[in-house]
PDB file of N, CA and C in Angstrom:
ATOM      1  N   MET A   1     153.605 145.650  48.331  1.00  0.00           N
ATOM      2  CA  MET A   1     154.740 146.238  47.117  1.00  0.00           C
ATOM      3  C   MET A   1     155.358 147.879  48.649  1.00  0.00           C
ATOM      4  N   GLU A   2     155.733 148.291  48.016  1.00  0.00           N
ATOM      5  CA  GLU A   2     156.984 148.729  48.803  1.00  0.00           C
ATOM      6  C   GLU A   2     157.016 150.646  48.096  1.00  0.00           C
ATOM      7  N   VAL A   3     157.190 151.234  49.162  1.00  0.00           N
ATOM      8  CA  VAL A   3     156.878 152.720  48.932  1.00  0.00           C
ATOM      9  C   VAL A   3     157.807 153.008  50.351  1.00  0.00           C
ATOM     10  N   VAL A   4     158.776 154.658  49.536  1.00  0.00           N
ATOM     11  CA  VAL A   4     159.556 155.315  50.668  1.00  0.00           C
ATOM     12  C   VAL A   4     158.885 156.146  51.281  1.00  0.00           C
ATOM     13  N   PHE A   5     158.540 156.148  52.816  1.00  0.00           N
ATOM     14  CA  PHE A   5     157.994 157.209  53.751  1.00  0.00           C
ATOM     15  C   PHE A   5     158.930 157.934  54.729  1.00  0.00           C
ATOM     16  N   ASN A   6     159.340 158.992  54.383  1.00  0.00           N
ATOM     17  CA  ASN A   6     160.289 159.853  55.093  1.00  0.00           C
ATOM     18  C   ASN A   6     161.461 159.220  55.057  1.00  0.00           C
ATOM     19  N   GLY A   7     161.886 159.164  53.987  1.00  0.00           N
ATOM     20  CA  GLY A   7     163.116 158.271  53.896  1.00  0.00           C
ATOM     21  C   GLY A   7     163.489 157.079  54.056  1.00  0.00           C
ATOM     22  N   ASP A   8     162.433 156.608  54.716  1.00  0.00           N
ATOM     23  CA  ASP A   8     162.145 154.735  55.133  1.00  0.00           C
ATOM     24  C   ASP A   8     161.291 153.653  53.984  1.00  0.00           C
ATOM     25  N   ALA A   9     161.566 152.690  53.595  1.00  0.00           N
ATOM     26  CA  ALA A   9     161.163 152.104  52.943  1.00  0.00           C
ATOM     27  C   ALA A   9     160.425 151.053  53.700  1.00  0.00           C
ATOM     28  N   ILE A  10     159.184 151.350  53.176  1.00  0.00           N
ATOM     29  CA  ILE A  10     158.270 150.408  54.315  1.00  0.00           C
ATOM     30  C   ILE A  10     157.392 149.907  52.754  1.00  0.00           C
ATOM     31  N   ALA A  11     156.351 148.721  53.849  1.00  0.00           N
ATOM     32  CA  ALA A  11     155.473 148.133  52.556  1.00  0.00           C
ATOM     33  C   ALA A  11     154.402 148.263  52.739  1.00  0.00           C
ATOM     34  N   CYS A  12     153.492 148.395  52.227  1.00  0.00           N
ATOM     35  CA  CYS A  12     151.989 149.189  51.936  1.00  0.00           C
ATOM     36  C   CYS A  12     151.202 147.639  50.935  1.00  0.00           C
ATOM     37  N   THR A  13     150.109 147.768  51.055  1.00  0.00           N
ATOM     38  CA  THR A  13     149.095 146.571  50.439  1.00  0.00           C
ATOM     39  C   THR A  13     148.842 147.754  48.826  1.00  0.00           C
ATOM     40  N   ASN A  14     149.007 146.934  47.970  1.00  0.00           N
ATOM     41  CA  ASN A  14     148.440 146.975  46.504  1.00  0.00           C
ATOM     42  C   ASN A  14     147.125 147.740  46.222  1.00  0.00           C
ATOM     43  N   GLY A  15     147.552 149.205  45.767  1.00  0.00           N
ATOM     44  CA  GLY A  15     146.642 150.003  46.166  1.00  0.00           C
ATOM     45  C   GLY A  15     145.726 150.940  46.693  1.00  0.00           C
ATOM     46  N   GLU A  16     146.524 151.065  48.004  1.00  0.00           N
ATOM     47  CA  GLU A  16     146.662 151.492  49.079  1.00  0.00           C
ATOM     48  C   GLU A  16     146.311 152.856  48.782  1.00  0.00           C
ATOM     49  N   SER A  17     145.286 153.828  49.250  1.00  0.00           N
ATOM     50  CA  SER A  17     145.089 155.480  49.224  1.00  0.00           C
ATOM     51  C   SER A  17     146.197 155.831  50.095  1.00  0.00           C
ATOM     52  N   LEU A  18     146.481 157.251  50.089  1.00  0.00           N
ATOM     53  CA  LEU A  18     147.318 157.905  50.912  1.00  0.00           C
ATOM     54  C   LEU A  18     146.322 158.189  52.151  1.00  0.00           C
ATOM     55  N   SER A  19     145.079 158.430  51.971  1.00  0.00           N
ATOM     56  CA  SER A  19     144.648 158.326  53.509  1.00  0.00           C
ATOM     57  C   SER A  19     144.757 157.082  54.221  1.00  0.00           C
ATOM     58  N   GLY A  20     144.434 156.210  53.727  1.00  0.00           N
ATOM     59  CA  GLY A  20     145.052 154.737  54.113  1.00  0.00           C
ATOM     60  C   GLY A  20     146.092 154.534  55.036  1.00  0.00           C
ATOM     61  N   LEU A  21     147.405 154.891  54.107  1.00  0.00           N
ATOM     62  CA  LEU A  21     148.305 154.591  54.699  1.00  0.00           C
ATOM     63  C   LEU A  21     148.709 155.441  56.130  1.00  0.00           C
ATOM     64  N   LEU A  22     148.449 156.820  55.975  1.00  0.00           N
ATOM     65  CA  LEU A  22     148.460 157.975  56.808  1.00  0.00           C
ATOM     66  C   LEU A  22     148.406 157.626  58.420  1.00  0.00           C
ATOM     67  N   GLN A  23     146.693 156.871  57.956  1.00  0.00           N
ATOM     68  CA  GLN A  23     145.663 156.378  59.104  1.00  0.00           C
ATOM     69  C   GLN A  23     146.413 155.294  59.574  1.00  0.00           C
ATOM     70  N   GLN A  24     147.111 154.217  59.315  1.00  0.00           N
ATOM     71  CA  GLN A  24     147.647 152.804  59.348  1.00  0.00           C
ATOM     72  C   GLN A  24     149.328 153.094  60.125  1.00  0.00           C
ATOM     73  N   LEU A  25     149.762 154.824  59.564  1.00  0.00           N
ATOM     74  CA  LEU A  25     150.634 155.214  60.938  1.00  0.00           C
ATOM     75  C   LEU A  25     150.382 155.788  62.106  1.00  0.00           C
ATOM     76  N   GLY A  26     149.419 156.449  61.888  1.00  0.00           N
ATOM     77  CA  GLY A  26     149.016 157.788  63.082  1.00  0.00           C
ATOM     78  C   GLY A  26     148.841 158.937  62.772  1.00  0.00           C
ATOM     79  N   TYR A  27     148.523 159.190  61.353  1.00  0.00           N
ATOM     80  CA  TYR A  27     148.691 160.342  61.387  1.00  0.00           C
ATOM     81  C   TYR A  27     147.358 160.664  61.268  1.00  0.00           C
ATOM     82  N   GLN A  28     146.886 161.685  62.193  1.00  0.00           N
ATOM     83  CA  GLN A  28     145.501 162.323  62.311  1.00  0.00           C
ATOM     84  C   GLN A  28     145.160 163.568  61.240  1.00  0.00           C
ATOM     85  N   GLN A  29     144.139 164.185  61.233  1.00  0.00           N
ATOM     86  CA  GLN A  29     143.895 164.427  60.267  1.00  0.00           C
ATOM     87  C   GLN A  29     144.501 166.153  60.668  1.00  0.00           C
ATOM     88  N   GLY A  30     145.017 166.777  60.025  1.00  0.00           N
ATOM     89  CA  GLY A  30     145.427 168.346  60.022  1.00  0.00           C
ATOM     90  C   GLY A  30     147.160 168.270  60.896  1.00  0.00           C
ATOM     91  N   GLY A  31     147.324 169.358  60.759  1.00  0.00           N
ATOM     92  CA  GLY A  31     148.604 170.023  61.500  1.00  0.00           C
ATOM     93  C   GLY A  31     149.894 169.292  60.377  1.00  0.00           C
ATOM     94  N   PHE A  32     149.879 168.440  59.147  1.00  0.00           N
ATOM     95  CA  PHE A  32     150.998 168.112  58.388  1.00  0.00           C
ATOM     96  C   PHE A  32     150.477 168.515  56.724  1.00  0.00           C
ATOM     97  N   ALA A  33     151.501 168.272  55.739  1.00  0.00           N
ATOM     98  CA  ALA A  33     150.994 168.693  54.764  1.00  0.00           C
ATOM     99  C   ALA A  33     152.333 167.477  54.262  1.00  0.00           C
ATOM    100  N   THR A  34     151.436 166.761  52.908  1.00  0.00           N
ATOM    101  CA  THR A  34     152.412 165.763  51.948  1.00  0.00           C
ATOM    102  C   THR A  34     152.382 165.918  50.655  1.00  0.00           C
ATOM    103  N   ALA A  35     153.419 165.575  50.236  1.00  0.00           N
ATOM    104  CA  ALA A  35     153.725 165.265  49.107  1.00  0.00           C
ATOM    105  C   ALA A  35     154.299 163.564  48.299  1.00  0.00           C
ATOM    106  N   ILE A  36     153.631 163.548  47.227  1.00  0.00           N
ATOM    107  CA  ILE A  36     154.385 162.356  46.953  1.00  0.00           C
ATOM    108  C   ILE A  36     155.535 162.700  45.634  1.00  0.00           C
ATOM    109  N   ASN A  37     156.444 161.758  45.691  1.00  0.00           N
ATOM    110  CA  ASN A  37     157.273 162.334  44.400  1.00  0.00           C
ATOM    111  C   ASN A  37     157.298 163.518  44.240  1.00  0.00           C
ATOM    112  N   SER A  38     157.623 164.718  45.318  1.00  0.00           N
ATOM    113  CA  SER A  38     157.555 166.137  45.438  1.00  0.00           C
ATOM    114  C   SER A  38     156.856 166.947  44.626  1.00  0.00           C
ATOM    115  N   THR A  39     155.553 166.440  44.663  1.00  0.00           N
ATOM    116  CA  THR A  39     154.424 166.859  44.405  1.00  0.00           C
ATOM    117  C   THR A  39     153.302 166.870  45.167  1.00  0.00           C
ATOM    118  N   PHE A  40     152.810 168.207  45.518  1.00  0.00           N
ATOM    119  CA  PHE A  40     151.994 168.500  46.930  1.00  0.00           C
ATOM    120  C   PHE A  40     150.345 168.024  46.666  1.00  0.00           C
ATOM    121  N   VAL A  41     149.716 167.014  47.687  1.00  0.00           N
ATOM    122  CA  VAL A  41     148.757 166.626  47.644  1.00  0.00           C
ATOM    123  C   VAL A  41     148.151 167.607  48.186  1.00  0.00           C
ATOM    124  N   PRO A  42     146.922 167.785  47.842  1.00  0.00           N
ATOM    125  CA  PRO A  42     145.830 168.693  48.930  1.00  0.00           C
ATOM    126  C   PRO A  42     145.184 167.440  49.502  1.00  0.00           C
ATOM    127  N   ARG A  43     144.531 167.992  50.705  1.00  0.00           N
ATOM    128  CA  ARG A  43     144.334 167.082  51.825  1.00  0.00           C
ATOM    129  C   ARG A  43     142.905 165.985  51.328  1.00  0.00           C
ATOM    130  N   SER A  44     142.150 167.257  50.639  1.00  0.00           N
ATOM    131  CA  SER A  44     140.983 166.792  49.877  1.00  0.00           C
ATOM    132  C   SER A  44     141.358 165.579  49.474  1.00  0.00           C
ATOM    133  N   ASP A  45     142.276 165.606  49.062  1.00  0.00           N
ATOM    134  CA  ASP A  45     142.238 164.397  47.796  1.00  0.00           C
ATOM    135  C   ASP A  45     143.552 163.110  47.712  1.00  0.00           C
ATOM    136  N   TYR A  46     143.070 162.615  49.580  1.00  0.00           N
ATOM    137  CA  TYR A  46     143.757 162.004  50.199  1.00  0.00           C
ATOM    138  C   TYR A  46     143.273 160.458  49.875  1.00  0.00           C
ATOM    139  N   ASP A  47     141.785 160.600  50.201  1.00  0.00           N
ATOM    140  CA  ASP A  47     141.483 159.693  49.630  1.00  0.00           C
ATOM    141  C   ASP A  47     141.458 158.893  48.670  1.00  0.00           C
ATOM    142  N   ASN A  48     141.452 159.834  47.353  1.00  0.00           N
ATOM    143  CA  ASN A  48     141.766 159.363  46.087  1.00  0.00           C
ATOM    144  C   ASN A  48     142.520 159.317  45.016  1.00  0.00           C
ATOM    145  N   THR A  49     143.936 159.499  46.276  1.00  0.00           N
ATOM    146  CA  THR A  49     145.172 159.431  45.759  1.00  0.00           C
ATOM    147  C   THR A  49     145.573 157.953  45.758  1.00  0.00           C
ATOM    148  N   GLN A  50     146.304 157.299  44.939  1.00  0.00           N
ATOM    149  CA  GLN A  50     146.365 155.343  44.989  1.00  0.00           C
ATOM    150  C   GLN A  50     147.981 155.683  44.798  1.00  0.00           C
ATOM    151  N   LEU A  51     148.452 154.928  45.511  1.00  0.00           N
ATOM    152  CA  LEU A  51     150.133 154.727  45.878  1.00  0.00           C
ATOM    153  C   LEU A  51     150.125 153.862  44.784  1.00  0.00           C
ATOM    154  N   GLN A  52     151.690 153.735  44.584  1.00  0.00           N
ATOM    155  CA  GLN A  52     152.146 152.952  43.796  1.00  0.00           C
ATOM    156  C   GLN A  52     153.614 152.671  43.758  1.00  0.00           C
ATOM    157  N   GLN A  53     154.155 151.668  43.450  1.00  0.00           N
ATOM    158  CA  GLN A  53     155.030 150.668  43.985  1.00  0.00           C
ATOM    159  C   GLN A  53     156.637 152.183  43.264  1.00  0.00           C
ATOM    160  N   GLY A  54     157.197 152.374  44.507  1.00  0.00           N
ATOM    161  CA  GLY A  54     158.313 153.045  44.368  1.00  0.00           C
ATOM    162  C   GLY A  54     157.674 154.597  44.849  1.00  0.00           C
ATOM    163  N   ASP A  55     156.616 154.670  44.829  1.00  0.00           N
ATOM    164  CA  ASP A  55     156.292 155.824  45.347  1.00  0.00           C
ATOM    165  C   ASP A  55     157.195 156.891  46.984  1.00  0.00           C
ATOM    166  N   THR A  56     157.633 158.014  46.887  1.00  0.00           N
ATOM    167  CA  THR A  56     158.501 158.605  47.842  1.00  0.00           C
ATOM    168  C   THR A  56     157.164 159.643  48.557  1.00  0.00           C
ATOM    169  N   ILE A  57     156.771 159.265  49.941  1.00  0.00           N
ATOM    170  CA  ILE A  57     155.788 160.144  50.325  1.00  0.00           C
ATOM    171  C   ILE A  57     156.799 160.739  51.241  1.00  0.00           C
ATOM    172  N   GLU A  58     156.410 161.786  51.594  1.00  0.00           N
ATOM    173  CA  GLU A  58     157.285 163.174  52.401  1.00  0.00           C
ATOM    174  C   GLU A  58     156.033 163.681  53.380  1.00  0.00           C
ATOM    175  N   VAL A  59     155.903 163.527  54.363  1.00  0.00           N
ATOM    176  CA  VAL A  59     154.959 164.450  55.409  1.00  0.00           C
ATOM    177  C   VAL A  59     155.552 165.514  56.002  1.00  0.00           C
ATOM    178  N   VAL A  60     155.641 166.041  56.091  1.00  0.00           N
ATOM    179  CA  VAL A  60     155.752 167.560  57.120  1.00  0.00           C
ATOM    180  C   VAL A  60     155.187 168.121  57.043  1.00  0.00           C
ATOM    181  N   ALA A  61     155.727 168.515  58.601  1.00  0.00           N
ATOM    182  CA  ALA A  61     154.658 169.582  59.744  1.00  0.00           C
ATOM    183  C   ALA A  61     155.175 170.959  59.978  1.00  0.00           C
ATOM    184  N   PRO A  62     154.719 171.831  59.663  1.00  0.00           N
ATOM    185  CA  PRO A  62     154.713 173.194  60.008  1.00  0.00           C
ATOM    186  C   PRO A  62     155.576 173.445  61.230  1.00  0.00           C
ATOM    187  N   MET A  63     157.500 174.261  61.802  1.00  0.00           N
ATOM    188  CA  MET A  63     157.693 174.410  62.828  1.00  0.00           C
ATOM    189  C   MET A  63     157.373 175.697  63.147  1.00  0.00           C
ATOM    190  N   GLN A  64     157.186 175.901  64.522  1.00  0.00           N
ATOM    191  CA  GLN A  64     157.098 177.419  65.110  1.00  0.00           C
ATOM    192  C   GLN A  64     158.459 177.931  65.294  1.00  0.00           C
ATOM    193  N   GLY A  65     158.386 179.749  65.298  1.00  0.00           N
ATOM    194  CA  GLY A  65     160.074 179.741  66.286  1.00  0.00           C
ATOM    195  C   GLY A  65     160.327 180.728  65.366  1.00  0.00           C
ATOM    196  N   GLY A  66     161.628 181.587  65.465  1.00  0.00           N
ATOM    197  CA  GLY A  66     161.769 182.409  64.807  1.00  0.00           C
ATOM    198  C   GLY A  66     163.634 182.670  64.425  1.00  0.00           C
TER     199      GLY A  66
END
């Protein structure tokens, strides 16, 4: 199946969890926030959030500065 991750189409396994995809892509715990289809996903839900064909996933990290 295909999803859009930070603007790029990528293939992933059918029924893949958000947690599994993030691990595959090298994201470690902490330091970023995730939204699927413009809806924030709490970190506690990553394991139970199943991705669907065509989902748009955005991962953002807070920026420092002023």
